[in-house]
Amino acid sequence: MDIIGLLKDILGMEVLKGITVIDIFTFILIILITLVIAKIVKINVRRALKEKVPETTLHTAEKIVYYGIIAIGFIVALPYIGFSLSGLLVAGGIAGIVIGFASQTVVSNLISGMFLMIEKPIKIGDGISIGDVSGVVKDIRVLSTTIRTWDGIYVRIPNERVFSSNIHNYVAHVARRFEYKIGIRYSDDADKAIEIIKNLLDEHPLILKEPAPQIFVEELGDSSVNLSVRIWAPSSVWFSVKTEMLWKIKVALEKEGIEIPFPQRVIWMAGKTHET
């Protein structure tokens, strides 16, 4: 008996109109291979993103990749069981247009979310400002980003807006600069004031030596000599250092008899001068 010939006859046998046994086997084989590939890719996506994105975002990304690969496999396999790919594409195109109009915002947010994960301009825990919203990033999802404002209010921002806006990240750099404007009287010694402030800054353990603090006379105002004090501190503690040092500078200057003057005006009346 010709086994090979018999096998060919069996595989070539029509099960349905135009569909042979070998077509069905091919369809099943493609689906099985697709499932294996989808599983392998899903595992590798988890390994690659596990330390980079939140668990909720990672779970969503896994599903998108997994079911996306399966969908491609089905499209490739369908012609073997009698489905016309061209007809399917036409139907899919019409459905895609309808769905596209209905979900263009969702798709835009989804794509923007993926770009945010790749570019990583922000991460959970960062202090940021996006448009008129400022606060700490609490969650980054595929469709939206959640921020807790400085007032404790949670704000959900669509990723399309996040990606297309100017993002100010206050902690992306290891250090951050802040500045004071301090006015002293014209009768006070500006060099002495600068020396007092410099010594105070040198004693603080969290104020960076490099870049070094800058203290200089910036402006001769109407009622005061205005000093500018520029300080660098670690981004994680800059606000506490800023509030602490402002008060210490005030106390140190007053201790040495250097005061912040009240606004003064000279008024001319009937040829006489009165200072108020």
C-alpha atoms as a PDB file:
ATOM      1  CA  MET A   1       0.000   0.000   0.000  1.00  0.00           C
ATOM      2  CA  ASP A   2       1.297   3.462  -0.916  1.00  0.00           C
ATOM      3  CA  ILE A   3       1.251   5.134   2.534  1.00  0.00           C
ATOM      4  CA  ILE A   4       2.501   8.469   1.207  1.00  0.00           C
ATOM      5  CA  GLY A   5      -0.146   8.522  -1.483  1.00  0.00           C
ATOM      6  CA  LEU A   6      -2.834   7.602   1.053  1.00  0.00           C
ATOM      7  CA  LEU A   7      -1.635  10.384   3.356  1.00  0.00           C
ATOM      8  CA  LYS A   8      -1.794  12.870   0.493  1.00  0.00           C
ATOM      9  CA  ASP A   9      -5.330  11.751  -0.312  1.00  0.00           C
ATOM     10  CA  ILE A  10      -6.390  12.186   3.324  1.00  0.00           C
ATOM     11  CA  LEU A  11      -4.778  15.605   3.647  1.00  0.00           C
ATOM     12  CA  GLY A  12      -6.263  16.697   0.344  1.00  0.00           C
ATOM     13  CA  MET A  13      -9.747  15.531   1.272  1.00  0.00           C
ATOM     14  CA  GLU A  14     -12.319  18.329   1.396  1.00  0.00           C
ATOM     15  CA  VAL A  15     -13.988  18.744   4.769  1.00  0.00           C
ATOM     16  CA  LEU A  16     -16.024  21.738   3.681  1.00  0.00           C
ATOM     17  CA  LYS A  17     -16.343  23.369   0.308  1.00  0.00           C
ATOM     18  CA  GLY A  18     -12.839  24.446  -0.730  1.00  0.00           C
ATOM     19  CA  ILE A  19     -11.353  23.552   2.676  1.00  0.00           C
ATOM     20  CA  THR A  20      -9.153  20.480   2.948  1.00  0.00           C
ATOM     21  CA  VAL A  21      -7.809  18.586   5.933  1.00  0.00           C
ATOM     22  CA  ILE A  22      -4.354  20.109   5.419  1.00  0.00           C
ATOM     23  CA  ASP A  23      -5.921  23.584   5.459  1.00  0.00           C
ATOM     24  CA  ILE A  24      -7.428  22.879   8.862  1.00  0.00           C
ATOM     25  CA  PHE A  25      -4.116  21.492  10.159  1.00  0.00           C
ATOM     26  CA  THR A  26      -2.314  24.583   8.848  1.00  0.00           C
ATOM     27  CA  PHE A  27      -4.852  26.861  10.542  1.00  0.00           C
ATOM     28  CA  ILE A  28      -4.441  25.047  13.875  1.00  0.00           C
ATOM     29  CA  LEU A  29      -0.630  25.052  13.554  1.00  0.00           C
ATOM     30  CA  ILE A  30      -0.511  28.805  12.885  1.00  0.00           C
ATOM     31  CA  ILE A  31      -2.740  29.488  15.898  1.00  0.00           C
ATOM     32  CA  LEU A  32      -0.603  27.273  18.165  1.00  0.00           C
ATOM     33  CA  ILE A  33       2.629  28.920  16.992  1.00  0.00           C
ATOM     34  CA  THR A  34       1.032  32.353  17.479  1.00  0.00           C
ATOM     35  CA  LEU A  35       0.022  31.495  21.054  1.00  0.00           C
ATOM     36  CA  VAL A  36       3.553  30.331  21.854  1.00  0.00           C
ATOM     37  CA  ILE A  37       5.107  33.478  20.349  1.00  0.00           C
ATOM     38  CA  ALA A  38       2.599  35.713  22.168  1.00  0.00           C
ATOM     39  CA  LYS A  39       3.404  34.020  25.488  1.00  0.00           C
ATOM     40  CA  ILE A  40       7.164  34.363  24.980  1.00  0.00           C
ATOM     41  CA  VAL A  41       6.884  38.035  23.996  1.00  0.00           C
ATOM     42  CA  LYS A  42       4.587  38.715  26.966  1.00  0.00           C
ATOM     43  CA  ILE A  43       7.154  37.233  29.368  1.00  0.00           C
ATOM     44  CA  ASN A  44       9.961  39.304  27.839  1.00  0.00           C
ATOM     45  CA  VAL A  45       7.869  42.486  27.989  1.00  0.00           C
ATOM     46  CA  ARG A  46       7.366  41.906  31.727  1.00  0.00           C
ATOM     47  CA  ARG A  47      11.085  41.340  32.261  1.00  0.00           C
ATOM     48  CA  ALA A  48      12.020  44.450  30.275  1.00  0.00           C
ATOM     49  CA  LEU A  49       9.519  46.813  31.939  1.00  0.00           C
ATOM     50  CA  LYS A  50       9.204  45.347  35.446  1.00  0.00           C
ATOM     51  CA  GLU A  51      11.515  47.896  37.083  1.00  0.00           C
ATOM     52  CA  LYS A  52      10.511  50.819  34.860  1.00  0.00           C
ATOM     53  CA  VAL A  53       6.713  51.139  35.010  1.00  0.00           C
ATOM     54  CA  PRO A  54       3.971  50.636  37.646  1.00  0.00           C
ATOM     55  CA  GLU A  55       2.357  47.192  37.944  1.00  0.00           C
ATOM     56  CA  THR A  56      -0.985  48.401  36.581  1.00  0.00           C
ATOM     57  CA  THR A  57       0.670  49.879  33.501  1.00  0.00           C
ATOM     58  CA  LEU A  58       2.796  46.764  33.037  1.00  0.00           C
ATOM     59  CA  HIS A  59      -0.294  44.528  33.171  1.00  0.00           C
ATOM     60  CA  THR A  60      -2.024  46.645  30.517  1.00  0.00           C
ATOM     61  CA  ALA A  61       1.047  46.629  28.263  1.00  0.00           C
ATOM     62  CA  GLU A  62       1.249  42.827  28.553  1.00  0.00           C
ATOM     63  CA  LYS A  63      -2.370  42.447  27.448  1.00  0.00           C
ATOM     64  CA  ILE A  64      -1.960  44.811  24.500  1.00  0.00           C
ATOM     65  CA  VAL A  65       1.112  42.947  23.222  1.00  0.00           C
ATOM     66  CA  TYR A  66      -0.324  39.472  23.899  1.00  0.00           C
ATOM     67  CA  TYR A  67      -3.703  39.975  22.234  1.00  0.00           C
ATOM     68  CA  GLY A  68      -2.182  42.070  19.448  1.00  0.00           C
ATOM     69  CA  ILE A  69       0.055  39.161  18.403  1.00  0.00           C
ATOM     70  CA  ILE A  70      -2.873  36.713  18.621  1.00  0.00           C
ATOM     71  CA  ALA A  71      -4.985  39.004  16.423  1.00  0.00           C
ATOM     72  CA  ILE A  72      -2.229  39.087  13.794  1.00  0.00           C
ATOM     73  CA  GLY A  73      -1.978  35.280  13.925  1.00  0.00           C
ATOM     74  CA  PHE A  74      -5.727  34.894  13.352  1.00  0.00           C
ATOM     75  CA  ILE A  75      -5.620  37.275  10.395  1.00  0.00           C
ATOM     76  CA  VAL A  76      -2.824  35.208   8.841  1.00  0.00           C
ATOM     77  CA  ALA A  77      -4.625  31.899   9.532  1.00  0.00           C
ATOM     78  CA  LEU A  78      -8.187  32.799   8.496  1.00  0.00           C
ATOM     79  CA  PRO A  79      -7.690  32.368   4.709  1.00  0.00           C
ATOM     80  CA  TYR A  80      -6.899  28.661   5.308  1.00  0.00           C
ATOM     81  CA  ILE A  81     -10.457  28.027   6.528  1.00  0.00           C
ATOM     82  CA  GLY A  82     -12.187  29.910   3.747  1.00  0.00           C
ATOM     83  CA  PHE A  83     -12.341  33.479   5.016  1.00  0.00           C
ATOM     84  CA  SER A  84     -11.461  36.044   2.375  1.00  0.00           C
ATOM     85  CA  LEU A  85      -8.772  38.341   3.707  1.00  0.00           C
ATOM     86  CA  SER A  86      -9.756  41.107   1.293  1.00  0.00           C
ATOM     87  CA  GLY A  87     -13.372  40.950   2.435  1.00  0.00           C
ATOM     88  CA  LEU A  88     -12.234  40.902   6.031  1.00  0.00           C
ATOM     89  CA  LEU A  89     -10.049  43.943   5.448  1.00  0.00           C
ATOM     90  CA  VAL A  90     -12.931  45.830   3.820  1.00  0.00           C
ATOM     91  CA  ALA A  91     -15.245  45.005   6.716  1.00  0.00           C
ATOM     92  CA  GLY A  92     -12.483  45.802   9.178  1.00  0.00           C
ATOM     93  CA  GLY A  93     -11.792  49.068   7.410  1.00  0.00           C
ATOM     94  CA  ILE A  94     -15.400  50.195   7.671  1.00  0.00           C
ATOM     95  CA  ALA A  95     -15.573  49.123  11.297  1.00  0.00           C
ATOM     96  CA  GLY A  96     -12.226  50.792  11.928  1.00  0.00           C
ATOM     97  CA  ILE A  97     -13.475  54.111  10.573  1.00  0.00           C
ATOM     98  CA  VAL A  98     -16.556  53.993  12.796  1.00  0.00           C
ATOM     99  CA  ILE A  99     -14.587  52.917  15.858  1.00  0.00           C
ATOM    100  CA  GLY A 100     -11.808  55.374  15.039  1.00  0.00           C
ATOM    101  CA  PHE A 101     -14.127  58.365  15.163  1.00  0.00           C
ATOM    102  CA  ALA A 102     -15.611  57.112  18.417  1.00  0.00           C
ATOM    103  CA  SER A 103     -12.305  56.322  20.119  1.00  0.00           C
ATOM    104  CA  GLN A 104      -9.757  58.737  18.664  1.00  0.00           C
ATOM    105  CA  THR A 105      -9.241  60.365  22.077  1.00  0.00           C
ATOM    106  CA  VAL A 106      -8.655  56.977  23.710  1.00  0.00           C
ATOM    107  CA  VAL A 107      -6.175  55.964  21.011  1.00  0.00           C
ATOM    108  CA  SER A 108      -4.382  59.307  21.272  1.00  0.00           C
ATOM    109  CA  ASN A 109      -4.056  58.896  25.049  1.00  0.00           C
ATOM    110  CA  LEU A 110      -2.892  55.299  24.608  1.00  0.00           C
ATOM    111  CA  ILE A 111      -0.150  56.230  22.137  1.00  0.00           C
ATOM    112  CA  SER A 112       0.896  59.200  24.274  1.00  0.00           C
ATOM    113  CA  GLY A 113       1.084  56.897  27.308  1.00  0.00           C
ATOM    114  CA  MET A 114       3.393  54.525  25.451  1.00  0.00           C
ATOM    115  CA  PHE A 115       5.658  57.403  24.404  1.00  0.00           C
ATOM    116  CA  LEU A 116       5.760  58.627  28.008  1.00  0.00           C
ATOM    117  CA  MET A 117       6.886  55.164  29.126  1.00  0.00           C
ATOM    118  CA  ILE A 118       9.631  55.141  26.489  1.00  0.00           C
ATOM    119  CA  GLU A 119      10.847  58.721  26.963  1.00  0.00           C
ATOM    120  CA  LYS A 120      10.277  58.775  30.768  1.00  0.00           C
ATOM    121  CA  PRO A 121      10.250  62.555  31.370  1.00  0.00           C
ATOM    122  CA  ILE A 122       8.528  61.869  34.706  1.00  0.00           C
ATOM    123  CA  LYS A 123       8.265  59.016  37.184  1.00  0.00           C
ATOM    124  CA  ILE A 124       6.188  58.214  40.248  1.00  0.00           C
ATOM    125  CA  GLY A 125       7.213  60.420  43.166  1.00  0.00           C
ATOM    126  CA  ASP A 126       8.493  63.332  41.051  1.00  0.00           C
ATOM    127  CA  GLY A 127       7.427  66.867  41.889  1.00  0.00           C
ATOM    128  CA  ILE A 128       6.234  68.349  38.608  1.00  0.00           C
ATOM    129  CA  SER A 129       4.177  71.069  36.976  1.00  0.00           C
ATOM    130  CA  ILE A 130       2.039  70.457  33.869  1.00  0.00           C
ATOM    131  CA  GLY A 131       0.177  73.528  32.694  1.00  0.00           C
ATOM    132  CA  ASP A 132      -1.738  74.870  35.693  1.00  0.00           C
ATOM    133  CA  VAL A 133      -1.421  71.625  37.705  1.00  0.00           C
ATOM    134  CA  SER A 134       1.492  71.193  40.120  1.00  0.00           C
ATOM    135  CA  GLY A 135       2.166  68.392  42.578  1.00  0.00           C
ATOM    136  CA  VAL A 136       3.596  64.898  43.026  1.00  0.00           C
ATOM    137  CA  VAL A 137       3.139  62.118  40.450  1.00  0.00           C
ATOM    138  CA  LYS A 138       1.203  59.277  42.098  1.00  0.00           C
ATOM    139  CA  ASP A 139       0.491  56.990  39.124  1.00  0.00           C
ATOM    140  CA  ILE A 140       1.292  56.731  35.406  1.00  0.00           C
ATOM    141  CA  ARG A 141      -1.166  54.559  33.477  1.00  0.00           C
ATOM    142  CA  VAL A 142      -1.591  53.807  29.806  1.00  0.00           C
ATOM    143  CA  LEU A 143      -4.388  56.373  29.341  1.00  0.00           C
ATOM    144  CA  SER A 144      -3.794  58.915  32.101  1.00  0.00           C
ATOM    145  CA  THR A 145      -1.444  60.251  34.766  1.00  0.00           C
ATOM    146  CA  THR A 146      -2.534  60.992  38.342  1.00  0.00           C
ATOM    147  CA  ILE A 147      -1.042  63.914  40.269  1.00  0.00           C
ATOM    148  CA  ARG A 148      -1.562  64.829  43.917  1.00  0.00           C
ATOM    149  CA  THR A 149      -1.407  68.616  44.114  1.00  0.00           C
ATOM    150  CA  TRP A 150       0.421  70.436  46.909  1.00  0.00           C
ATOM    151  CA  ASP A 151      -3.016  70.958  48.491  1.00  0.00           C
ATOM    152  CA  GLY A 152      -3.669  67.197  48.601  1.00  0.00           C
ATOM    153  CA  ILE A 153      -6.115  67.119  45.684  1.00  0.00           C
ATOM    154  CA  TYR A 154      -5.834  64.233  43.217  1.00  0.00           C
ATOM    155  CA  VAL A 155      -5.971  65.285  39.556  1.00  0.00           C
ATOM    156  CA  ARG A 156      -6.241  62.871  36.611  1.00  0.00           C
ATOM    157  CA  ILE A 157      -4.633  64.242  33.436  1.00  0.00           C
ATOM    158  CA  PRO A 158      -5.085  62.505  30.036  1.00  0.00           C
ATOM    159  CA  ASN A 159      -1.721  61.345  28.688  1.00  0.00           C
ATOM    160  CA  GLU A 160      -2.241  63.252  25.440  1.00  0.00           C
ATOM    161  CA  ARG A 161      -2.188  66.492  27.429  1.00  0.00           C
ATOM    162  CA  VAL A 162       0.813  65.354  29.493  1.00  0.00           C
ATOM    163  CA  PHE A 163       2.824  64.419  26.407  1.00  0.00           C
ATOM    164  CA  SER A 164       2.008  67.596  24.467  1.00  0.00           C
ATOM    165  CA  SER A 165       2.536  70.021  27.390  1.00  0.00           C
ATOM    166  CA  ASN A 166       5.675  71.619  28.755  1.00  0.00           C
ATOM    167  CA  ILE A 167       6.652  69.520  31.777  1.00  0.00           C
ATOM    168  CA  HIS A 168       8.563  71.143  34.642  1.00  0.00           C
ATOM    169  CA  ASN A 169      10.221  68.373  36.681  1.00  0.00           C
ATOM    170  CA  TYR A 170      11.519  69.829  39.936  1.00  0.00           C
ATOM    171  CA  VAL A 171      13.450  66.754  41.080  1.00  0.00           C
ATOM    172  CA  ALA A 172      14.817  65.320  37.830  1.00  0.00           C
ATOM    173  CA  HIS A 173      18.183  66.929  38.590  1.00  0.00           C
ATOM    174  CA  VAL A 174      20.027  65.954  41.747  1.00  0.00           C
ATOM    175  CA  ALA A 175      20.278  69.591  42.891  1.00  0.00           C
ATOM    176  CA  ARG A 176      18.076  72.655  42.658  1.00  0.00           C
ATOM    177  CA  ARG A 177      18.766  76.361  43.044  1.00  0.00           C
ATOM    178  CA  PHE A 178      16.665  78.869  44.951  1.00  0.00           C
ATOM    179  CA  GLU A 179      17.084  82.602  45.416  1.00  0.00           C
ATOM    180  CA  TYR A 180      16.378  85.314  47.983  1.00  0.00           C
ATOM    181  CA  LYS A 181      16.008  89.057  47.443  1.00  0.00           C
ATOM    182  CA  ILE A 182      17.069  90.813  50.661  1.00  0.00           C
ATOM    183  CA  GLY A 183      16.906  94.576  51.137  1.00  0.00           C
ATOM    184  CA  ILE A 184      19.087  96.430  53.677  1.00  0.00           C
ATOM    185  CA  ARG A 185      19.274 100.104  54.618  1.00  0.00           C
ATOM    186  CA  TYR A 186      21.565 102.453  52.709  1.00  0.00           C
ATOM    187  CA  SER A 187      23.265 103.240  56.013  1.00  0.00           C
ATOM    188  CA  ASP A 188      24.138  99.560  56.596  1.00  0.00           C
ATOM    189  CA  ASP A 189      27.435  98.009  55.501  1.00  0.00           C
ATOM    190  CA  ALA A 190      26.627  95.833  52.457  1.00  0.00           C
ATOM    191  CA  ASP A 191      29.993  94.023  52.619  1.00  0.00           C
ATOM    192  CA  LYS A 192      29.336  93.108  56.254  1.00  0.00           C
ATOM    193  CA  ALA A 193      25.856  91.831  55.381  1.00  0.00           C
ATOM    194  CA  ILE A 194      27.282  89.685  52.587  1.00  0.00           C
ATOM    195  CA  GLU A 195      29.927  88.276  54.957  1.00  0.00           C
ATOM    196  CA  ILE A 196      27.302  87.400  57.597  1.00  0.00           C
ATOM    197  CA  ILE A 197      25.149  85.580  55.055  1.00  0.00           C
ATOM    198  CA  LYS A 198      28.166  83.778  53.552  1.00  0.00           C
ATOM    199  CA  ASN A 199      29.312  82.479  56.957  1.00  0.00           C
ATOM    200  CA  LEU A 200      25.783  81.298  57.707  1.00  0.00           C
ATOM    201  CA  LEU A 201      25.562  79.394  54.419  1.00  0.00           C
ATOM    202  CA  ASP A 202      29.000  77.821  54.881  1.00  0.00           C
ATOM    203  CA  GLU A 203      27.879  76.298  58.183  1.00  0.00           C
ATOM    204  CA  HIS A 204      24.827  74.525  56.740  1.00  0.00           C
ATOM    205  CA  PRO A 205      25.541  70.853  55.868  1.00  0.00           C
ATOM    206  CA  LEU A 206      22.929  70.600  53.107  1.00  0.00           C
ATOM    207  CA  ILE A 207      23.935  73.685  51.126  1.00  0.00           C
ATOM    208  CA  LEU A 208      26.173  72.643  48.251  1.00  0.00           C
ATOM    209  CA  LYS A 209      29.748  73.908  48.038  1.00  0.00           C
ATOM    210  CA  GLU A 210      29.750  73.298  44.292  1.00  0.00           C
ATOM    211  CA  PRO A 211      28.074  75.143  42.677  1.00  0.00           C
ATOM    212  CA  ALA A 212      28.993  77.629  45.393  1.00  0.00           C
ATOM    213  CA  PRO A 213      26.436  80.079  46.812  1.00  0.00           C
ATOM    214  CA  GLN A 214      26.395  83.536  45.231  1.00  0.00           C
ATOM    215  CA  ILE A 215      25.776  86.704  47.255  1.00  0.00           C
ATOM    216  CA  PHE A 216      25.994  90.145  45.639  1.00  0.00           C
ATOM    217  CA  VAL A 217      24.413  93.578  45.431  1.00  0.00           C
ATOM    218  CA  GLU A 218      21.896  93.337  42.621  1.00  0.00           C
ATOM    219  CA  GLU A 219      20.018  96.623  42.767  1.00  0.00           C
ATOM    220  CA  LEU A 220      19.988 100.050  44.386  1.00  0.00           C
ATOM    221  CA  GLY A 221      16.299 100.410  45.152  1.00  0.00           C
ATOM    222  CA  ASP A 222      14.210 103.413  46.184  1.00  0.00           C
ATOM    223  CA  SER A 223      14.454 102.567  49.879  1.00  0.00           C
ATOM    224  CA  SER A 224      17.042  99.803  50.134  1.00  0.00           C
ATOM    225  CA  VAL A 225      20.192  98.200  48.822  1.00  0.00           C
ATOM    226  CA  ASN A 226      18.951  94.886  47.444  1.00  0.00           C
ATOM    227  CA  LEU A 227      21.109  91.792  47.827  1.00  0.00           C
ATOM    228  CA  SER A 228      20.651  88.633  45.771  1.00  0.00           C
ATOM    229  CA  VAL A 229      21.404  85.303  47.457  1.00  0.00           C
ATOM    230  CA  ARG A 230      21.539  82.213  45.225  1.00  0.00           C
ATOM    231  CA  ILE A 231      21.845  78.790  46.838  1.00  0.00           C
ATOM    232  CA  TRP A 232      22.034  75.200  45.553  1.00  0.00           C
ATOM    233  CA  ALA A 233      20.667  72.318  47.650  1.00  0.00           C
ATOM    234  CA  PRO A 234      19.692  68.667  47.022  1.00  0.00           C
ATOM    235  CA  SER A 235      16.338  68.516  45.208  1.00  0.00           C
ATOM    236  CA  SER A 236      14.899  66.211  47.860  1.00  0.00           C
ATOM    237  CA  VAL A 237      15.326  68.809  50.655  1.00  0.00           C
ATOM    238  CA  TRP A 238      15.539  72.144  48.841  1.00  0.00           C
ATOM    239  CA  PHE A 239      12.207  73.481  50.145  1.00  0.00           C
ATOM    240  CA  SER A 240      12.991  72.798  53.799  1.00  0.00           C
ATOM    241  CA  VAL A 241      16.457  74.342  53.373  1.00  0.00           C
ATOM    242  CA  LYS A 242      14.925  77.383  51.668  1.00  0.00           C
ATOM    243  CA  THR A 243      12.412  78.090  54.441  1.00  0.00           C
ATOM    244  CA  GLU A 244      14.968  77.415  57.193  1.00  0.00           C
ATOM    245  CA  MET A 245      17.708  79.659  55.793  1.00  0.00           C
ATOM    246  CA  LEU A 246      15.444  82.627  55.084  1.00  0.00           C
ATOM    247  CA  TRP A 247      14.570  82.935  58.748  1.00  0.00           C
ATOM    248  CA  LYS A 248      18.153  82.334  59.907  1.00  0.00           C
ATOM    249  CA  ILE A 249      19.439  85.077  57.585  1.00  0.00           C
ATOM    250  CA  LYS A 250      16.878  87.534  58.983  1.00  0.00           C
ATOM    251  CA  VAL A 251      17.838  86.727  62.589  1.00  0.00           C
ATOM    252  CA  ALA A 252      21.595  86.892  61.872  1.00  0.00           C
ATOM    253  CA  LEU A 253      21.360  90.285  60.148  1.00  0.00           C
ATOM    254  CA  GLU A 254      19.201  91.795  62.905  1.00  0.00           C
ATOM    255  CA  LYS A 255      21.629  90.495  65.531  1.00  0.00           C
ATOM    256  CA  GLU A 256      24.382  92.551  63.875  1.00  0.00           C
ATOM    257  CA  GLY A 257      22.204  95.653  63.657  1.00  0.00           C
ATOM    258  CA  ILE A 258      21.415  95.285  59.943  1.00  0.00           C
ATOM    259  CA  GLU A 259      17.719  95.793  59.310  1.00  0.00           C
ATOM    260  CA  ILE A 260      15.306  95.462  56.436  1.00  0.00           C
ATOM    261  CA  PRO A 261      14.056  99.029  55.852  1.00  0.00           C
ATOM    262  CA  PHE A 262      10.488 100.217  55.481  1.00  0.00           C
ATOM    263  CA  PRO A 263       9.611 101.890  52.170  1.00  0.00           C
ATOM    264  CA  GLN A 264      10.466 105.599  52.222  1.00  0.00           C
ATOM    265  CA  ARG A 265       9.276 108.527  50.117  1.00  0.00           C
ATOM    266  CA  VAL A 266      10.496 112.123  49.928  1.00  0.00           C
ATOM    267  CA  ILE A 267       7.657 114.621  49.518  1.00  0.00           C
ATOM    268  CA  TRP A 268       8.329 118.219  48.425  1.00  0.00           C
ATOM    269  CA  MET A 269       5.814 120.755  49.795  1.00  0.00           C
ATOM    270  CA  ALA A 270       6.081 124.543  49.487  1.00  0.00           C
ATOM    271  CA  GLY A 271       9.838 124.422  49.246  1.00  0.00           C
ATOM    272  CA  LYS A 272      10.198 122.168  52.324  1.00  0.00           C
ATOM    273  CA  THR A 273      11.321 118.561  52.433  1.00  0.00           C
ATOM    274  CA  HIS A 274       9.553 115.980  54.615  1.00  0.00           C
ATOM    275  CA  GLU A 275      10.767 112.396  54.709  1.00  0.00           C
ATOM    276  CA  THR A 276       8.151 109.725  55.453  1.00  0.00           C
END
